[in-house]
């Protein structure tokens, strides 16, 4: 047992002594800090709510003038209008009016202007928004929404409705929604989730899935590359004489796990510290995000699936790294494992909007995908307990089988040099090694 912890300690010291590891950790922590505070940083360069000024010509003879006045009154009545209509006097001709409005754009008094044409069947004249900016979809959409409200109000007023009836007609209707468990009994994980709880759980699931994928990709690659590097430098021949292959493999897996755990702890602390800053805390309150609504059971399952998912893929990476003699061949050798982790990651990420689909239900029982997908189901739905326990059971059995096979491959592969060993050679050597 002492030799096992010696390997764990050696792996930890070897990583923490490397400047590249420390620099990378600090850079990622800095990127996380900037990313969390990016909305606040952008807000410091914004003087306030942006209001776009639009000009139009006010003329008693023009049918479009009345429409411009109606739009002006509509946007002025809004609490935070994004558009401001500015009226200009009629110069007597269309050419002179255009010249006046273009000069206003040059003087930066307005961003653009509305040009009115003949009256249409919609009750409004033909309108064209002219500006130097291309693709002003958001602005024209605001104007269209304003015209729609104005036309609706005009039609309803002509129908003889009172102001109270108009207010009642325009009052919003709110519908509360709660996700429930349709299956009765004690087998379910909860009594349902409110939209706020679902939103918080979705954020947690998103975070854990990305975290697990990063741990598998980064830590798994480090395990495989370190074993391959030791083989290529012949250090493995010295290590194998003092530490058994099984202890050596698990020592590296546990050592790399602790390295990854320390990294994750640093990142989580950075996230918590930045979220607790006053400007970010206010943003959480503004969007009605309460982190205390996270289900403790979901946190427990997150840790469970994180650990099981990590050790499943870590043993596979260690086995593959042991049969590769050159680091140049490592990328190709670990590609199948990488594709498996990518498949589970993408199924979970792209199924967040449909966590009850058949693909998600089937994938949650496939051990290589279940650490990602079953966590998604637990966070956003209420799967029956027998399905959760069945998924965990299949995952544990697969981990046991993976450890058994990987230990045999590791024992055989660490002393094979030169060309990549064939399946026949591996099978023959594995049969001679009893765990």
Protein backbone atom coordinates (compact mmCIF):
# COMPACT_ATOMS: atom_id res chain seq x y z
CA UNK A 1 0.00 0.00 0.00
CA UNK A 2 2.92 2.34 0.69
CA UNK A 3 4.12 1.92 -2.88
CA UNK A 4 0.65 2.92 -4.14
CA UNK A 5 0.75 6.23 -2.25
CA UNK A 6 4.34 6.71 -3.40
CA UNK A 7 3.11 6.62 -7.00
CA UNK A 8 0.26 9.01 -6.12
CA UNK A 9 2.67 11.43 -4.46
CA UNK A 10 5.15 11.19 -7.32
CA UNK A 11 2.40 11.97 -9.84
CA UNK A 12 1.24 14.99 -7.84
CA UNK A 13 4.72 16.40 -7.35
CA UNK A 14 5.61 15.83 -10.99
CA UNK A 15 2.60 17.86 -12.13
CA UNK A 16 2.83 20.70 -9.62
CA UNK A 17 6.52 21.19 -10.32
CA UNK A 18 5.78 21.82 -13.98
CA UNK A 19 5.48 25.51 -14.85
CA UNK A 20 3.19 24.75 -17.79
CA UNK A 21 0.56 23.22 -15.48
CA UNK A 22 0.60 26.17 -13.06
CA UNK A 23 0.55 28.77 -15.84
CA UNK A 24 -2.33 26.99 -17.60
CA UNK A 25 -4.33 26.85 -14.36
CA UNK A 26 -3.82 30.56 -13.73
CA UNK A 27 -4.72 31.48 -17.32
CA UNK A 28 -7.96 29.45 -17.20
CA UNK A 29 -8.85 31.02 -13.82
CA UNK A 30 -8.28 34.45 -15.36
CA UNK A 31 -10.45 33.59 -18.38
CA UNK A 32 -13.24 32.42 -16.03
CA UNK A 33 -12.98 35.68 -14.08
CA UNK A 34 -13.19 37.78 -17.23
CA UNK A 35 -16.07 35.68 -18.60
CA UNK A 36 -18.18 36.06 -15.45
CA UNK A 37 -17.57 39.81 -15.25
CA UNK A 38 -17.91 40.45 -18.99
CA UNK A 39 -21.52 41.76 -18.80
CA UNK A 40 -20.48 44.21 -16.07
CA UNK A 41 -17.41 45.26 -18.07
CA UNK A 42 -19.57 45.94 -21.12
CA UNK A 43 -22.06 47.88 -19.01
CA UNK A 44 -19.29 50.29 -17.97
CA UNK A 45 -18.83 51.32 -21.58
CA UNK A 46 -22.55 51.84 -22.05
CA UNK A 47 -23.85 55.25 -20.99
CA UNK A 48 -27.34 53.86 -20.43
CA UNK A 49 -30.31 52.49 -22.33
CA UNK A 50 -29.69 53.24 -25.99
CA UNK A 51 -32.41 55.28 -27.68
CA UNK A 52 -32.40 55.59 -31.47
CA UNK A 53 -33.68 58.91 -32.81
CA UNK A 54 -35.69 58.70 -36.04
CA UNK A 55 -36.83 61.73 -38.00
CA UNK A 56 -39.99 62.36 -40.02
CA UNK A 57 -41.54 65.37 -41.69
CA UNK A 58 -44.54 66.94 -40.00
CA UNK A 59 -46.98 68.23 -42.58
CA UNK A 60 -50.69 68.99 -42.38
CA UNK A 61 -51.14 67.89 -46.00
CA UNK A 62 -49.24 64.61 -45.68
CA UNK A 63 -51.14 61.49 -44.61
CA UNK A 64 -47.88 60.11 -43.23
CA UNK A 65 -47.54 62.96 -40.74
CA UNK A 66 -50.44 61.62 -38.68
CA UNK A 67 -48.79 58.19 -38.60
CA UNK A 68 -45.49 59.75 -37.49
CA UNK A 69 -47.28 61.63 -34.71
CA UNK A 70 -49.00 58.41 -33.57
CA UNK A 71 -45.67 56.56 -33.45
CA UNK A 72 -44.10 59.43 -31.54
CA UNK A 73 -46.88 59.31 -28.92
CA UNK A 74 -46.64 55.50 -28.73
CA UNK A 75 -42.90 55.43 -27.97
CA UNK A 76 -43.12 58.39 -25.56
CA UNK A 77 -45.73 56.48 -23.54
CA UNK A 78 -43.37 53.54 -23.01
CA UNK A 79 -41.37 53.32 -19.79
CA UNK A 80 -38.07 52.58 -21.53
CA UNK A 81 -38.48 53.42 -25.20
CA UNK A 82 -35.79 52.23 -27.57
CA UNK A 83 -36.94 54.61 -30.30
CA UNK A 84 -37.52 58.37 -30.28
CA UNK A 85 -39.45 60.06 -33.11
CA UNK A 86 -38.27 63.57 -34.00
CA UNK A 87 -40.52 65.73 -36.18
CA UNK A 88 -39.20 68.19 -38.76
CA UNK A 89 -41.14 70.96 -40.53
CA UNK A 90 -42.27 70.57 -44.10
CA UNK A 91 -39.99 72.43 -46.55
CA UNK A 92 -42.60 72.41 -49.30
CA UNK A 93 -41.16 69.68 -51.53
CA UNK A 94 -40.11 66.07 -51.20
CA UNK A 95 -36.57 66.84 -52.37
CA UNK A 96 -36.12 69.60 -49.79
CA UNK A 97 -37.51 67.36 -47.03
CA UNK A 98 -35.07 64.59 -47.96
CA UNK A 99 -32.20 67.09 -47.94
CA UNK A 100 -33.23 68.34 -44.49
CA UNK A 101 -33.44 64.84 -43.03
CA UNK A 102 -30.10 63.75 -44.56
CA UNK A 103 -28.46 66.83 -43.07
CA UNK A 104 -29.87 65.83 -39.67
CA UNK A 105 -28.21 62.42 -40.08
CA UNK A 106 -24.93 64.13 -40.98
CA UNK A 107 -25.23 66.34 -37.90
CA UNK A 108 -25.87 63.15 -35.84
CA UNK A 109 -29.21 64.49 -34.61
CA UNK A 110 -30.95 61.35 -35.87
CA UNK A 111 -29.87 57.85 -36.99
CA UNK A 112 -32.37 57.63 -39.85
CA UNK A 113 -35.77 58.83 -40.99
CA UNK A 114 -39.14 57.57 -42.14
CA UNK A 115 -40.34 58.35 -45.66
CA UNK A 116 -44.10 58.08 -46.28
CA UNK A 117 -45.85 57.18 -49.52
CA UNK A 118 -49.40 56.48 -50.65
CA UNK A 119 -52.07 55.13 -48.29
CA UNK A 120 -52.48 51.31 -48.27
CA UNK A 121 -55.32 48.96 -47.32
CA UNK A 122 -53.72 48.44 -43.90
CA UNK A 123 -54.78 51.92 -42.85
CA UNK A 124 -51.21 53.26 -42.91
CA UNK A 125 -49.23 54.88 -45.72
CA UNK A 126 -46.31 53.12 -47.38
CA UNK A 127 -43.27 53.56 -45.13
CA UNK A 128 -39.54 53.25 -45.77
CA UNK A 129 -36.87 53.57 -43.11
CA UNK A 130 -33.71 55.15 -44.53
CA UNK A 131 -30.38 55.22 -42.71
CA UNK A 132 -26.67 54.66 -43.21
CA UNK A 133 -26.85 51.45 -41.19
CA UNK A 134 -27.42 48.17 -42.99
CA UNK A 135 -29.83 45.43 -41.81
CA UNK A 136 -31.70 47.49 -39.20
CA UNK A 137 -34.01 44.55 -38.44
CA UNK A 138 -34.40 45.26 -34.71
CA UNK A 139 -35.36 48.87 -35.30
CA UNK A 140 -37.86 48.18 -38.07
CA UNK A 141 -39.35 45.40 -35.95
CA UNK A 142 -39.95 47.90 -33.10
CA UNK A 143 -41.69 50.26 -35.52
CA UNK A 144 -43.84 47.42 -36.88
CA UNK A 145 -44.84 46.41 -33.36
CA UNK A 146 -45.76 50.02 -32.61
CA UNK A 147 -47.91 50.26 -35.74
CA UNK A 148 -49.62 46.99 -34.85
CA UNK A 149 -50.56 48.34 -31.40
CA UNK A 150 -51.75 51.64 -32.89
CA UNK A 151 -53.93 49.87 -35.48
CA UNK A 152 -55.38 47.51 -32.86
CA UNK A 153 -56.23 50.45 -30.59
CA UNK A 154 -57.86 52.35 -33.46
CA UNK A 155 -60.01 49.37 -34.51
CA UNK A 156 -61.12 48.64 -30.93
CA UNK A 157 -61.88 52.30 -30.30
CA UNK A 158 -64.02 52.47 -33.44
CA UNK A 159 -65.86 49.38 -32.16
CA UNK A 160 -67.09 51.44 -29.18
CA UNK A 161 -65.10 49.79 -26.38
CA UNK A 162 -64.50 51.80 -23.23
CA UNK A 163 -61.03 52.51 -21.84
CA UNK A 164 -61.65 49.93 -19.07
CA UNK A 165 -62.53 47.29 -21.64
CA UNK A 166 -59.45 48.15 -23.67
CA UNK A 167 -57.24 47.81 -20.56
CA UNK A 168 -58.85 44.47 -19.70
CA UNK A 169 -58.36 43.24 -23.26
CA UNK A 170 -54.66 44.15 -23.24
CA UNK A 171 -53.94 42.82 -19.73
CA UNK A 172 -51.43 39.93 -19.83
CA UNK A 173 -52.52 36.43 -18.79
CA UNK A 174 -50.04 34.55 -16.58
CA UNK A 175 -49.86 30.75 -16.39
CA UNK A 176 -47.80 29.03 -13.71
CA UNK A 177 -46.08 25.77 -14.69
CA UNK A 178 -44.73 22.98 -12.49
CA UNK A 179 -42.98 19.82 -13.66
CA UNK A 180 -44.49 16.80 -11.85
CA UNK A 181 -44.01 13.04 -11.63
CA UNK A 182 -46.88 11.19 -13.31
CA UNK A 183 -45.90 7.85 -11.73
CA UNK A 184 -47.18 7.45 -8.21
CA UNK A 185 -45.27 5.87 -5.37
CA UNK A 186 -42.03 6.30 -3.46
CA UNK A 187 -39.88 5.37 -6.44
CA UNK A 188 -39.61 8.90 -7.75
CA UNK A 189 -36.93 11.37 -6.82
CA UNK A 190 -39.16 14.32 -6.12
CA UNK A 191 -42.59 15.89 -6.22
CA UNK A 192 -41.86 18.00 -9.26
CA UNK A 193 -39.93 21.16 -10.01
CA UNK A 194 -41.01 24.77 -10.52
CA UNK A 195 -39.63 26.74 -13.50
CA UNK A 196 -37.16 28.49 -11.19
CA UNK A 197 -35.89 25.16 -9.83
CA UNK A 198 -35.68 23.74 -13.34
CA UNK A 199 -33.65 26.76 -14.49
CA UNK A 200 -31.18 26.42 -11.60
CA UNK A 201 -30.93 22.65 -12.09
CA UNK A 202 -30.37 23.14 -15.81
CA UNK A 203 -27.46 25.46 -15.04
CA UNK A 204 -25.98 22.92 -12.60
CA UNK A 205 -26.38 20.04 -15.10
CA UNK A 206 -24.80 22.13 -17.84
CA UNK A 207 -21.88 22.97 -15.56
CA UNK A 208 -21.30 19.37 -14.34
CA UNK A 209 -21.54 17.89 -17.86
CA UNK A 210 -18.95 20.33 -19.20
CA UNK A 211 -16.78 19.79 -16.11
CA UNK A 212 -16.88 15.99 -16.51
CA UNK A 213 -16.07 16.22 -20.20
CA UNK A 214 -13.11 18.51 -19.51
CA UNK A 215 -11.85 16.17 -16.76
CA UNK A 216 -12.07 13.18 -19.08
CA UNK A 217 -10.40 14.91 -22.01
CA UNK A 218 -7.65 16.72 -20.09
CA UNK A 219 -6.90 14.33 -17.23
CA UNK A 220 -7.36 11.22 -19.35
CA UNK A 221 -4.94 12.54 -21.95
CA UNK A 222 -2.45 13.38 -19.19
CA UNK A 223 -2.66 9.83 -17.80
CA UNK A 224 -2.10 8.25 -21.20
CA UNK A 225 0.68 10.66 -22.24
CA UNK A 226 2.57 10.28 -18.93
CA UNK A 227 2.53 6.47 -19.19
CA UNK A 228 3.64 6.62 -22.83
CA UNK A 229 6.39 9.12 -21.97
CA UNK A 230 7.70 6.84 -19.22
CA UNK A 231 7.75 3.93 -21.65
CA UNK A 232 9.54 5.89 -24.37
CA UNK A 233 12.20 7.09 -21.88
CA UNK A 234 12.63 3.55 -20.43
CA UNK A 235 11.74 4.85 -16.95
CA UNK A 236 8.96 2.26 -16.90
CA UNK A 237 11.52 -0.55 -16.66
CA UNK A 238 12.79 0.88 -13.37
CA UNK A 239 9.32 1.58 -11.97
CA UNK A 240 8.01 -1.88 -12.74
CA UNK A 241 10.72 -3.50 -10.61
CA UNK A 242 9.67 -1.63 -7.45
CA UNK A 243 5.91 -1.16 -7.89
CA UNK A 244 3.42 -3.72 -9.18
CA UNK A 245 1.68 -2.76 -12.45
CA UNK A 246 -1.75 -2.70 -10.82
CA UNK A 247 -0.64 -0.32 -8.04
CA UNK A 248 1.20 1.76 -10.59
CA UNK A 249 -1.87 2.14 -12.83
CA UNK A 250 -4.23 3.04 -9.98
CA UNK A 251 -1.61 5.29 -8.41
CA UNK A 252 -1.46 7.33 -11.60
CA UNK A 253 -5.25 7.39 -11.97
CA UNK A 254 -5.77 8.55 -8.37
CA UNK A 255 -2.86 11.01 -8.63
CA UNK A 256 -4.25 12.57 -11.78
CA UNK A 257 -7.71 12.62 -10.22
CA UNK A 258 -6.35 14.62 -7.27
CA UNK A 259 -4.57 16.96 -9.68
CA UNK A 260 -7.82 17.51 -11.57
CA UNK A 261 -9.75 17.88 -8.31
CA UNK A 262 -7.38 20.59 -7.09
CA UNK A 263 -7.73 22.38 -10.43
CA UNK A 264 -11.51 22.16 -10.29
CA UNK A 265 -11.50 23.41 -6.68
CA UNK A 266 -9.50 26.45 -7.78
CA UNK A 267 -11.93 27.13 -10.64
CA UNK A 268 -15.00 26.68 -8.42
CA UNK A 269 -13.54 29.06 -5.81
CA UNK A 270 -12.85 31.60 -8.56
CA UNK A 271 -16.46 31.25 -9.78
CA UNK A 272 -17.92 31.60 -6.27
CA UNK A 273 -15.77 34.65 -5.46
CA UNK A 274 -16.76 36.36 -8.71
CA UNK A 275 -20.46 35.52 -8.36
CA UNK A 276 -20.44 36.97 -4.83
CA UNK A 277 -19.19 40.32 -6.11
CA UNK A 278 -21.90 43.00 -5.63
CA UNK A 279 -22.54 43.68 -9.33
CA UNK A 280 -22.84 39.97 -10.19
CA UNK A 281 -25.00 39.25 -7.13
CA UNK A 282 -27.39 41.98 -8.24
CA UNK A 283 -27.57 40.35 -11.67
CA UNK A 284 -28.56 36.99 -10.11
CA UNK A 285 -31.35 38.73 -8.19
CA UNK A 286 -32.45 40.57 -11.34
CA UNK A 287 -32.84 37.31 -13.27
CA UNK A 288 -34.50 35.60 -10.25
CA UNK A 289 -31.67 33.05 -9.88
CA UNK A 290 -31.52 31.55 -6.39
CA UNK A 291 -28.69 29.03 -6.01
CA UNK A 292 -30.22 27.80 -2.75
CA UNK A 293 -32.95 26.12 -4.82
CA UNK A 294 -30.50 23.47 -6.05
CA UNK A 295 -31.71 20.03 -4.97
CA UNK A 296 -29.20 18.45 -2.52
CA UNK A 297 -29.96 15.04 -4.02
CA UNK A 298 -28.97 16.36 -7.44
CA UNK A 299 -25.65 17.53 -5.98
CA UNK A 300 -25.09 14.05 -4.56
CA UNK A 301 -25.85 12.39 -7.89
CA UNK A 302 -23.60 14.92 -9.65
CA UNK A 303 -20.65 13.87 -7.48
CA UNK A 304 -21.49 10.18 -7.96
CA UNK A 305 -21.70 10.34 -11.75
CA UNK A 306 -18.65 12.60 -11.92
CA UNK A 307 -16.53 10.08 -9.99
CA UNK A 308 -17.82 6.99 -11.80
CA UNK A 309 -17.54 8.64 -15.22
CA UNK A 310 -14.02 9.79 -14.51
CA UNK A 311 -12.73 6.41 -13.30
CA UNK A 312 -14.39 4.53 -16.17
CA UNK A 313 -12.64 6.60 -18.84
CA UNK A 314 -9.40 6.99 -16.82
CA UNK A 315 -8.84 3.23 -16.71
CA UNK A 316 -9.36 3.02 -20.47
CA UNK A 317 -6.92 5.87 -21.11
CA UNK A 318 -4.33 4.16 -18.86
CA UNK A 319 -4.74 0.86 -20.73
CA UNK A 320 -4.36 2.48 -24.14
CA UNK A 321 -1.38 4.57 -22.98
CA UNK A 322 0.39 1.41 -21.79
CA UNK A 323 0.37 -0.23 -25.23
CA UNK A 324 1.73 2.81 -27.08
CA UNK A 325 5.52 3.17 -27.20
CA UNK A 326 5.73 6.57 -28.90
CA UNK A 327 3.89 9.75 -27.97
CA UNK A 328 3.39 10.43 -31.69
CA UNK A 329 1.01 7.46 -31.89
CA UNK A 330 -0.96 8.37 -28.78
CA UNK A 331 -3.52 10.64 -30.45
CA UNK A 332 -4.64 7.97 -32.87
CA UNK A 333 -4.70 5.28 -30.16
CA UNK A 334 -6.99 7.21 -27.79
CA UNK A 335 -9.34 8.40 -30.57
CA UNK A 336 -12.02 5.71 -29.93
CA UNK A 337 -12.20 6.64 -26.22
CA UNK A 338 -12.35 10.33 -27.13
CA UNK A 339 -15.21 9.66 -29.54
CA UNK A 340 -17.15 7.79 -26.82
CA UNK A 341 -16.83 10.71 -24.38
CA UNK A 342 -17.73 13.18 -27.15
CA UNK A 343 -20.87 11.19 -28.00
CA UNK A 344 -22.08 11.22 -24.38
CA UNK A 345 -21.27 14.93 -24.05
CA UNK A 346 -23.11 15.93 -27.23
CA UNK A 347 -26.16 13.79 -26.43
CA UNK A 348 -26.48 15.54 -23.06
CA UNK A 349 -25.82 19.07 -24.31
CA UNK A 350 -28.10 18.92 -27.35
CA UNK A 351 -30.88 17.17 -25.42
CA UNK A 352 -31.23 19.80 -22.68
CA UNK A 353 -34.37 21.11 -24.40
CA UNK A 354 -35.82 17.56 -24.73
CA UNK A 355 -34.65 15.56 -21.67
CA UNK A 356 -37.50 13.05 -22.01
CA UNK A 357 -36.74 11.92 -25.59
CA UNK A 358 -36.25 8.26 -26.43
CA UNK A 359 -32.58 8.86 -27.30
CA UNK A 360 -31.95 10.28 -23.82
CA UNK A 361 -33.80 7.42 -22.09
CA UNK A 362 -31.86 4.74 -23.97
CA UNK A 363 -28.50 6.53 -23.62
CA UNK A 364 -28.95 6.89 -19.87
CA UNK A 365 -28.51 3.11 -19.57
CA UNK A 366 -25.39 2.91 -21.76
CA UNK A 367 -22.46 3.06 -19.29
CA UNK A 368 -20.20 5.22 -21.50
CA UNK A 369 -22.99 7.79 -21.89
CA UNK A 370 -24.90 7.50 -18.59
CA UNK A 371 -22.58 9.77 -16.52
CA UNK A 372 -23.63 12.60 -18.84
CA UNK A 373 -27.17 11.64 -19.83
CA UNK A 374 -28.64 10.21 -16.60
CA UNK A 375 -27.49 13.36 -14.81
CA UNK A 376 -29.43 15.35 -17.39
CA UNK A 377 -32.58 13.33 -16.67
CA UNK A 378 -32.13 13.72 -12.92
CA UNK A 379 -31.76 17.48 -13.21
CA UNK A 380 -34.61 18.22 -15.61
CA UNK A 381 -37.08 15.33 -15.15
CA UNK A 382 -38.09 12.87 -12.44
CA UNK A 383 -37.04 9.41 -13.65
CA UNK A 384 -38.26 6.39 -11.62
CA UNK A 385 -35.80 5.26 -8.96
CA UNK A 386 -35.44 1.79 -10.52
CA UNK A 387 -34.11 3.41 -13.70
CA UNK A 388 -31.59 5.49 -11.75
CA UNK A 389 -30.39 2.51 -9.72
CA UNK A 390 -30.28 0.34 -12.87
CA UNK A 391 -28.15 2.91 -14.67
CA UNK A 392 -25.77 3.19 -11.71
CA UNK A 393 -25.58 -0.61 -11.41
CA UNK A 394 -24.71 -1.05 -15.09
CA UNK A 395 -22.11 1.70 -14.77
CA UNK A 396 -20.46 0.06 -11.73
CA UNK A 397 -20.37 -3.34 -13.45
CA UNK A 398 -18.78 -1.75 -16.51
CA UNK A 399 -16.19 0.00 -14.33
CA UNK A 400 -15.33 -3.34 -12.70
CA UNK A 401 -14.95 -5.01 -16.11
CA UNK A 402 -12.94 -2.04 -17.40
CA UNK A 403 -10.60 -2.19 -14.39
CA UNK A 404 -10.12 -5.95 -14.86
CA UNK A 405 -9.36 -5.67 -18.59
CA UNK A 406 -7.30 -2.49 -18.25
CA UNK A 407 -5.16 -4.01 -15.48
CA UNK A 408 -4.36 -6.99 -17.69
CA UNK A 409 -3.60 -4.76 -20.69
CA UNK A 410 -1.50 -2.45 -18.53
CA UNK A 411 0.49 -5.33 -17.06
CA UNK A 412 1.19 -6.60 -20.57
CA UNK A 413 1.57 -3.33 -22.44
CA UNK A 414 4.03 -1.45 -20.21
CA UNK A 415 6.87 -3.82 -21.14
CA UNK A 416 6.08 -4.06 -24.86
CA UNK A 417 8.30 -1.80 -26.93
CA UNK A 418 8.77 -1.17 -30.61
CA UNK A 419 5.77 -1.81 -32.81
CA UNK A 420 2.25 -1.65 -31.45
CA UNK A 421 1.30 -5.07 -30.01
CA UNK A 422 -1.30 -7.08 -31.92
CA UNK A 423 -4.52 -8.35 -30.37
CA UNK A 424 -3.12 -11.89 -30.54
CA UNK A 425 -0.03 -10.92 -28.54
CA UNK A 426 -2.09 -9.01 -26.01
CA UNK A 427 -4.58 -11.83 -25.54
CA UNK A 428 -1.79 -14.38 -25.06
CA UNK A 429 0.02 -12.19 -22.50
CA UNK A 430 -3.20 -11.30 -20.67
CA UNK A 431 -4.09 -14.97 -20.20
CA UNK A 432 -0.76 -15.50 -18.43
CA UNK A 433 -1.45 -12.69 -15.94
CA UNK A 434 -3.89 -13.35 -13.12
CA UNK A 435 -5.34 -10.44 -11.15
